[in-house]
Amino acid sequence: MSGQEAKNKFYQVSQIRWLTEDTFSLKMTGQKLHFKAGQHVLLSLPGTSQSREYSLYNGENQPEPEVLVRKIENGIFSGYLSTLSEGDLVEINGPMGAFSIDESKTDTHHFVFIASGTGIAPFRSIVQTYPHLNYQVIHGIRYGHEAYDKQAFHPEKYLDCTSRDNTGKFQGRLTGHLAKTSFAPNTEFYICGNSNMIFDSLDILKEKGFSREQIHCEVYF
């Protein structure tokens, strides 16, 4: 058995928690999953050929792995996940990835987490793991009700940018807020979400004088 295959673990669904009409968190129970906050797993359903990568949504010290899922119209795998019930089996391969913070900088640097939609998932994991981190979340969503579990973040450190209603702290795309905002030189940026948002954010931050070494990206879909 290869090392990668040895990482495969079976878990039982312990909770499906709907956050909006098309987005839910999936919590699983089984062997403790050792991971770094910000990493992702490959989630599979036994007996099918379908699988998909999801960032872990829970903190490192929380025993049950959790992922954030948006049910995509005509999306086969997210559709499968939305029909699961407590006790159903899922398979996890991982953890994988290096989208985690440098622990040597937690006391000396400011962290800005930039997310679109369900790209907020790894940042919830990071903040729950490092509750005293000096951080700011900039979350781009369409509507205010898509601020998934925003209570997990300090209210003064979470800023929702709503593009289709006026309920957010900023009305418009998150890149609009980013362009207008100044950041300390010792800021580390972590960006997670769709590729267009990431490319636009990279351009804005480079224009502000930040080096590529200070900007960490994870394309979420």
C-alpha atoms as a PDB file:
ATOM      1  CA  MET A   1       0.000   0.000   0.000  1.00  0.00           C
ATOM      2  CA  SER A   2       1.424   3.390  -0.958  1.00  0.00           C
ATOM      3  CA  GLY A   3       1.699   6.285   1.494  1.00  0.00           C
ATOM      4  CA  GLN A   4      -1.031   8.169  -0.362  1.00  0.00           C
ATOM      5  CA  GLU A   5      -3.378   5.189  -0.242  1.00  0.00           C
ATOM      6  CA  ALA A   6      -2.672   4.758   3.473  1.00  0.00           C
ATOM      7  CA  LYS A   7      -4.144   8.184   4.072  1.00  0.00           C
ATOM      8  CA  ASN A   8      -7.580   7.098   2.874  1.00  0.00           C
ATOM      9  CA  LYS A   9     -10.015   6.976   5.785  1.00  0.00           C
ATOM     10  CA  PHE A  10     -13.709   6.205   6.065  1.00  0.00           C
ATOM     11  CA  TYR A  11     -15.963   8.461   8.122  1.00  0.00           C
ATOM     12  CA  GLN A  12     -19.630   8.546   8.976  1.00  0.00           C
ATOM     13  CA  VAL A  13     -21.710  11.639   8.370  1.00  0.00           C
ATOM     14  CA  SER A  14     -22.610  13.091  11.766  1.00  0.00           C
ATOM     15  CA  GLN A  15     -24.349  16.319  10.718  1.00  0.00           C
ATOM     16  CA  ILE A  16     -25.553  18.178   7.650  1.00  0.00           C
ATOM     17  CA  ARG A  17     -26.227  21.802   8.536  1.00  0.00           C
ATOM     18  CA  TRP A  18     -27.874  23.950   5.866  1.00  0.00           C
ATOM     19  CA  LEU A  19     -26.691  27.568   5.936  1.00  0.00           C
ATOM     20  CA  THR A  20     -28.596  28.807   2.869  1.00  0.00           C
ATOM     21  CA  GLU A  21     -30.892  27.122   0.370  1.00  0.00           C
ATOM     22  CA  ASP A  22     -27.870  25.865  -1.598  1.00  0.00           C
ATOM     23  CA  THR A  23     -24.963  25.787   0.875  1.00  0.00           C
ATOM     24  CA  PHE A  24     -24.370  23.452   3.805  1.00  0.00           C
ATOM     25  CA  SER A  25     -21.650  22.216   6.110  1.00  0.00           C
ATOM     26  CA  LEU A  26     -20.943  18.498   6.244  1.00  0.00           C
ATOM     27  CA  LYS A  27     -19.495  17.163   9.490  1.00  0.00           C
ATOM     28  CA  MET A  28     -18.041  13.665   9.770  1.00  0.00           C
ATOM     29  CA  THR A  29     -16.981  11.391  12.608  1.00  0.00           C
ATOM     30  CA  GLY A  30     -14.318   8.702  12.713  1.00  0.00           C
ATOM     31  CA  GLN A  31     -10.575   8.514  13.232  1.00  0.00           C
ATOM     32  CA  LYS A  32      -9.062  11.874  14.198  1.00  0.00           C
ATOM     33  CA  LEU A  33      -7.754  13.705  11.145  1.00  0.00           C
ATOM     34  CA  HIS A  34      -4.408  15.393  11.747  1.00  0.00           C
ATOM     35  CA  PHE A  35      -3.993  18.442   9.519  1.00  0.00           C
ATOM     36  CA  LYS A  36      -2.775  22.024   9.336  1.00  0.00           C
ATOM     37  CA  ALA A  37      -5.450  24.726   9.309  1.00  0.00           C
ATOM     38  CA  GLY A  38      -5.886  25.839   5.700  1.00  0.00           C
ATOM     39  CA  GLN A  39      -5.311  22.407   4.171  1.00  0.00           C
ATOM     40  CA  HIS A  40      -7.860  20.530   2.069  1.00  0.00           C
ATOM     41  CA  VAL A  41      -8.976  16.930   1.593  1.00  0.00           C
ATOM     42  CA  LEU A  42     -10.239  14.864  -1.315  1.00  0.00           C
ATOM     43  CA  LEU A  43     -13.754  13.742  -0.436  1.00  0.00           C
ATOM     44  CA  SER A  44     -15.209  10.647  -2.129  1.00  0.00           C
ATOM     45  CA  LEU A  45     -18.353   8.548  -1.844  1.00  0.00           C
ATOM     46  CA  PRO A  46     -17.769   4.789  -1.593  1.00  0.00           C
ATOM     47  CA  GLY A  47     -19.086   2.913  -4.619  1.00  0.00           C
ATOM     48  CA  THR A  48     -18.868   5.892  -6.968  1.00  0.00           C
ATOM     49  CA  SER A  49     -16.114   7.353  -9.133  1.00  0.00           C
ATOM     50  CA  GLN A  50     -16.944  10.877  -8.003  1.00  0.00           C
ATOM     51  CA  SER A  51     -14.666  12.967  -5.789  1.00  0.00           C
ATOM     52  CA  ARG A  52     -13.890  16.605  -5.101  1.00  0.00           C
ATOM     53  CA  GLU A  53     -11.429  18.685  -3.097  1.00  0.00           C
ATOM     54  CA  TYR A  54     -12.731  20.712  -0.142  1.00  0.00           C
ATOM     55  CA  SER A  55     -10.896  22.886   2.354  1.00  0.00           C
ATOM     56  CA  LEU A  56     -11.399  21.813   5.942  1.00  0.00           C
ATOM     57  CA  TYR A  57     -13.835  24.094   7.765  1.00  0.00           C
ATOM     58  CA  ASN A  58     -13.008  23.061  11.347  1.00  0.00           C
ATOM     59  CA  GLY A  59     -10.115  24.037  13.591  1.00  0.00           C
ATOM     60  CA  GLU A  60      -7.205  21.699  14.241  1.00  0.00           C
ATOM     61  CA  ASN A  61      -8.362  20.877  17.759  1.00  0.00           C
ATOM     62  CA  GLN A  62     -11.933  20.055  16.759  1.00  0.00           C
ATOM     63  CA  PRO A  63     -12.256  16.275  16.465  1.00  0.00           C
ATOM     64  CA  GLU A  64     -14.780  16.024  13.620  1.00  0.00           C
ATOM     65  CA  PRO A  65     -13.687  16.973  10.082  1.00  0.00           C
ATOM     66  CA  GLU A  66     -16.059  19.488   8.493  1.00  0.00           C
ATOM     67  CA  VAL A  67     -16.309  20.913   4.977  1.00  0.00           C
ATOM     68  CA  LEU A  68     -18.381  23.703   3.434  1.00  0.00           C
ATOM     69  CA  VAL A  69     -20.312  22.694   0.318  1.00  0.00           C
ATOM     70  CA  ARG A  70     -22.241  24.748  -2.190  1.00  0.00           C
ATOM     71  CA  LYS A  71     -24.713  22.652  -4.159  1.00  0.00           C
ATOM     72  CA  ILE A  72     -24.012  23.506  -7.786  1.00  0.00           C
ATOM     73  CA  GLU A  73     -26.861  23.377 -10.297  1.00  0.00           C
ATOM     74  CA  ASN A  74     -26.356  20.163 -12.305  1.00  0.00           C
ATOM     75  CA  GLY A  75     -23.287  19.430 -10.170  1.00  0.00           C
ATOM     76  CA  ILE A  76     -23.142  15.662  -9.744  1.00  0.00           C
ATOM     77  CA  PHE A  77     -20.903  15.428  -6.688  1.00  0.00           C
ATOM     78  CA  SER A  78     -22.338  18.303  -4.663  1.00  0.00           C
ATOM     79  CA  GLY A  79     -25.768  16.877  -5.496  1.00  0.00           C
ATOM     80  CA  TYR A  80     -24.698  13.520  -4.060  1.00  0.00           C
ATOM     81  CA  LEU A  81     -23.445  15.163  -0.880  1.00  0.00           C
ATOM     82  CA  SER A  82     -26.678  17.093  -0.408  1.00  0.00           C
ATOM     83  CA  THR A  83     -28.644  13.817  -0.225  1.00  0.00           C
ATOM     84  CA  LEU A  84     -26.517  12.188   2.476  1.00  0.00           C
ATOM     85  CA  SER A  85     -27.975  11.323   5.856  1.00  0.00           C
ATOM     86  CA  GLU A  86     -26.434  10.847   9.281  1.00  0.00           C
ATOM     87  CA  GLY A  87     -24.579   7.528   9.381  1.00  0.00           C
ATOM     88  CA  ASP A  88     -23.756   7.415   5.663  1.00  0.00           C
ATOM     89  CA  LEU A  89     -20.147   6.654   4.792  1.00  0.00           C
ATOM     90  CA  VAL A  90     -17.749   9.013   3.052  1.00  0.00           C
ATOM     91  CA  GLU A  91     -14.077   8.585   2.241  1.00  0.00           C
ATOM     92  CA  ILE A  92     -11.373  11.159   2.939  1.00  0.00           C
ATOM     93  CA  ASN A  93      -7.998  11.239   1.219  1.00  0.00           C
ATOM     94  CA  GLY A  94      -5.531  13.662   2.732  1.00  0.00           C
ATOM     95  CA  PRO A  95      -4.929  16.179   4.136  1.00  0.00           C
ATOM     96  CA  MET A  96      -3.164  17.981   1.303  1.00  0.00           C
ATOM     97  CA  GLY A  97      -1.799  21.392   0.386  1.00  0.00           C
ATOM     98  CA  ALA A  98       0.387  24.111   1.862  1.00  0.00           C
ATOM     99  CA  PHE A  99      -2.190  26.904   2.220  1.00  0.00           C
ATOM    100  CA  SER A 100      -1.424  27.431   5.911  1.00  0.00           C
ATOM    101  CA  ILE A 101       0.042  30.300   7.870  1.00  0.00           C
ATOM    102  CA  ASP A 102       3.665  30.613   8.937  1.00  0.00           C
ATOM    103  CA  GLU A 103       3.505  30.104  12.703  1.00  0.00           C
ATOM    104  CA  SER A 104       6.734  32.076  13.169  1.00  0.00           C
ATOM    105  CA  LYS A 105       4.827  35.195  12.053  1.00  0.00           C
ATOM    106  CA  THR A 106       1.694  34.869  14.208  1.00  0.00           C
ATOM    107  CA  ASP A 107       2.989  37.337  16.832  1.00  0.00           C
ATOM    108  CA  THR A 108       4.689  39.804  14.486  1.00  0.00           C
ATOM    109  CA  HIS A 109       2.508  40.116  11.359  1.00  0.00           C
ATOM    110  CA  HIS A 110      -0.973  41.193  10.367  1.00  0.00           C
ATOM    111  CA  PHE A 111      -2.971  38.642   8.368  1.00  0.00           C
ATOM    112  CA  VAL A 112      -5.576  39.601   5.783  1.00  0.00           C
ATOM    113  CA  PHE A 113      -7.842  36.790   4.574  1.00  0.00           C
ATOM    114  CA  ILE A 114      -9.575  37.512   1.266  1.00  0.00           C
ATOM    115  CA  ALA A 115     -12.342  35.120   0.197  1.00  0.00           C
ATOM    116  CA  SER A 116     -15.157  34.862  -2.309  1.00  0.00           C
ATOM    117  CA  GLY A 117     -18.173  32.673  -1.487  1.00  0.00           C
ATOM    118  CA  THR A 118     -17.301  29.311   0.058  1.00  0.00           C
ATOM    119  CA  GLY A 119     -13.630  30.252  -0.207  1.00  0.00           C
ATOM    120  CA  ILE A 120     -14.130  31.417   3.381  1.00  0.00           C
ATOM    121  CA  ALA A 121     -13.727  27.800   4.569  1.00  0.00           C
ATOM    122  CA  PRO A 122      -9.955  27.656   5.199  1.00  0.00           C
ATOM    123  CA  PHE A 123     -10.061  30.991   7.025  1.00  0.00           C
ATOM    124  CA  ARG A 124     -12.659  29.755   9.489  1.00  0.00           C
ATOM    125  CA  SER A 125     -10.326  26.821  10.160  1.00  0.00           C
ATOM    126  CA  ILE A 126      -7.325  29.123  10.651  1.00  0.00           C
ATOM    127  CA  VAL A 127      -9.129  31.557  12.974  1.00  0.00           C
ATOM    128  CA  GLN A 128     -10.558  28.733  15.077  1.00  0.00           C
ATOM    129  CA  THR A 129      -7.056  27.293  15.375  1.00  0.00           C
ATOM    130  CA  TYR A 130      -5.379  30.654  16.125  1.00  0.00           C
ATOM    131  CA  PRO A 131      -8.071  32.688  17.951  1.00  0.00           C
ATOM    132  CA  HIS A 132      -5.631  35.408  19.046  1.00  0.00           C
ATOM    133  CA  LEU A 133      -4.272  36.033  15.552  1.00  0.00           C
ATOM    134  CA  ASN A 134      -4.101  39.645  14.354  1.00  0.00           C
ATOM    135  CA  TYR A 135      -6.340  39.252  11.322  1.00  0.00           C
ATOM    136  CA  GLN A 136      -8.910  40.857   9.024  1.00  0.00           C
ATOM    137  CA  VAL A 137     -11.388  38.958   6.831  1.00  0.00           C
ATOM    138  CA  ILE A 138     -12.637  40.460   3.569  1.00  0.00           C
ATOM    139  CA  HIS A 139     -15.467  38.272   2.275  1.00  0.00           C
ATOM    140  CA  GLY A 140     -17.014  38.803  -1.136  1.00  0.00           C
ATOM    141  CA  ILE A 141     -20.568  37.467  -1.433  1.00  0.00           C
ATOM    142  CA  ARG A 142     -23.653  38.230  -3.476  1.00  0.00           C
ATOM    143  CA  TYR A 143     -26.164  38.621  -0.642  1.00  0.00           C
ATOM    144  CA  GLY A 144     -25.835  39.234   3.076  1.00  0.00           C
ATOM    145  CA  HIS A 145     -27.283  35.850   4.043  1.00  0.00           C
ATOM    146  CA  GLU A 146     -24.297  34.192   2.343  1.00  0.00           C
ATOM    147  CA  ALA A 147     -21.965  35.358   5.122  1.00  0.00           C
ATOM    148  CA  TYR A 148     -21.545  31.747   6.207  1.00  0.00           C
ATOM    149  CA  ASP A 149     -20.996  31.357   9.960  1.00  0.00           C
ATOM    150  CA  LYS A 150     -19.691  34.900  10.258  1.00  0.00           C
ATOM    151  CA  GLN A 151     -20.137  34.623  14.034  1.00  0.00           C
ATOM    152  CA  ALA A 152     -16.955  32.494  13.979  1.00  0.00           C
ATOM    153  CA  PHE A 153     -15.029  35.726  13.359  1.00  0.00           C
ATOM    154  CA  HIS A 154     -14.663  38.771  15.601  1.00  0.00           C
ATOM    155  CA  PRO A 155     -17.307  41.246  14.367  1.00  0.00           C
ATOM    156  CA  GLU A 156     -14.740  44.035  14.050  1.00  0.00           C
ATOM    157  CA  LYS A 157     -12.442  41.786  12.006  1.00  0.00           C
ATOM    158  CA  TYR A 158     -14.991  40.512   9.486  1.00  0.00           C
ATOM    159  CA  LEU A 159     -16.067  42.648   6.540  1.00  0.00           C
ATOM    160  CA  ASP A 160     -18.672  41.380   4.088  1.00  0.00           C
ATOM    161  CA  CYS A 161     -18.752  42.907   0.606  1.00  0.00           C
ATOM    162  CA  THR A 162     -22.160  42.296  -0.969  1.00  0.00           C
ATOM    163  CA  SER A 163     -22.488  42.766  -4.721  1.00  0.00           C
ATOM    164  CA  ARG A 164     -26.258  42.252  -5.130  1.00  0.00           C
ATOM    165  CA  ASP A 165     -27.766  43.867  -2.044  1.00  0.00           C
ATOM    166  CA  ASN A 166     -26.856  46.645   0.382  1.00  0.00           C
ATOM    167  CA  THR A 167     -26.669  44.598   3.585  1.00  0.00           C
ATOM    168  CA  GLY A 168     -22.888  44.245   3.698  1.00  0.00           C
ATOM    169  CA  LYS A 169     -20.468  46.580   5.423  1.00  0.00           C
ATOM    170  CA  PHE A 170     -19.250  47.354   1.895  1.00  0.00           C
ATOM    171  CA  GLN A 171     -21.594  47.435  -1.116  1.00  0.00           C
ATOM    172  CA  GLY A 172     -19.815  46.110  -4.180  1.00  0.00           C
ATOM    173  CA  ARG A 173     -17.180  43.560  -5.092  1.00  0.00           C
ATOM    174  CA  LEU A 174     -14.436  42.863  -2.582  1.00  0.00           C
ATOM    175  CA  THR A 175     -11.832  44.114  -5.044  1.00  0.00           C
ATOM    176  CA  GLY A 176     -13.465  47.547  -4.822  1.00  0.00           C
ATOM    177  CA  HIS A 177     -12.872  47.594  -1.078  1.00  0.00           C
ATOM    178  CA  LEU A 178      -9.373  46.207  -1.513  1.00  0.00           C
ATOM    179  CA  ALA A 179      -8.405  48.982  -3.919  1.00  0.00           C
ATOM    180  CA  LYS A 180      -9.506  51.670  -1.433  1.00  0.00           C
ATOM    181  CA  THR A 181      -7.828  50.195   1.639  1.00  0.00           C
ATOM    182  CA  SER A 182      -4.345  50.703   3.048  1.00  0.00           C
ATOM    183  CA  PHE A 183      -2.459  47.889   4.773  1.00  0.00           C
ATOM    184  CA  ALA A 184       0.559  47.783   7.051  1.00  0.00           C
ATOM    185  CA  PRO A 185       3.856  46.771   5.406  1.00  0.00           C
ATOM    186  CA  ASN A 186       4.084  43.635   7.586  1.00  0.00           C
ATOM    187  CA  THR A 187       0.826  42.181   6.219  1.00  0.00           C
ATOM    188  CA  GLU A 188       0.546  38.615   4.934  1.00  0.00           C
ATOM    189  CA  PHE A 189      -2.310  38.122   2.448  1.00  0.00           C
ATOM    190  CA  TYR A 190      -4.162  34.845   1.923  1.00  0.00           C
ATOM    191  CA  ILE A 191      -6.619  34.712  -0.976  1.00  0.00           C
ATOM    192  CA  CYS A 192      -9.102  31.903  -1.617  1.00  0.00           C
ATOM    193  CA  GLY A 193     -11.884  31.773  -4.195  1.00  0.00           C
ATOM    194  CA  ASN A 194     -12.490  31.928  -7.918  1.00  0.00           C
ATOM    195  CA  SER A 195      -9.580  32.608 -10.259  1.00  0.00           C
ATOM    196  CA  ASN A 196     -10.826  35.951 -11.584  1.00  0.00           C
ATOM    197  CA  MET A 197     -11.060  37.395  -8.076  1.00  0.00           C
ATOM    198  CA  ILE A 198      -7.604  36.072  -7.244  1.00  0.00           C
ATOM    199  CA  PHE A 199      -5.978  37.572 -10.345  1.00  0.00           C
ATOM    200  CA  ASP A 200      -7.676  40.938  -9.757  1.00  0.00           C
ATOM    201  CA  SER A 201      -6.634  40.961  -6.088  1.00  0.00           C
ATOM    202  CA  LEU A 202      -3.057  40.077  -7.009  1.00  0.00           C
ATOM    203  CA  ASP A 203      -2.891  43.033  -9.382  1.00  0.00           C
ATOM    204  CA  ILE A 204      -4.281  45.425  -6.753  1.00  0.00           C
ATOM    205  CA  LEU A 205      -1.883  44.258  -4.039  1.00  0.00           C
ATOM    206  CA  LYS A 206       1.128  44.406  -6.364  1.00  0.00           C
ATOM    207  CA  GLU A 207       0.171  47.993  -7.266  1.00  0.00           C
ATOM    208  CA  LYS A 208       0.159  48.752  -3.543  1.00  0.00           C
ATOM    209  CA  GLY A 209       3.750  47.568  -3.347  1.00  0.00           C
ATOM    210  CA  PHE A 210       3.361  44.141  -1.756  1.00  0.00           C
ATOM    211  CA  SER A 211       5.692  41.389  -2.932  1.00  0.00           C
ATOM    212  CA  ARG A 212       4.505  38.061  -4.284  1.00  0.00           C
ATOM    213  CA  GLU A 213       6.122  36.397  -1.252  1.00  0.00           C
ATOM    214  CA  GLN A 214       3.560  38.155   0.962  1.00  0.00           C
ATOM    215  CA  ILE A 215       0.586  36.900  -1.065  1.00  0.00           C
ATOM    216  CA  HIS A 216      -0.623  33.299  -0.809  1.00  0.00           C
ATOM    217  CA  CYS A 217      -3.352  31.962  -3.097  1.00  0.00           C
ATOM    218  CA  GLU A 218      -5.696  28.993  -3.279  1.00  0.00           C
ATOM    219  CA  VAL A 219      -7.960  28.662  -6.319  1.00  0.00           C
ATOM    220  CA  TYR A 220     -11.188  27.237  -4.924  1.00  0.00           C
ATOM    221  CA  PHE A 221     -13.220  26.610  -8.061  1.00  0.00           C
END
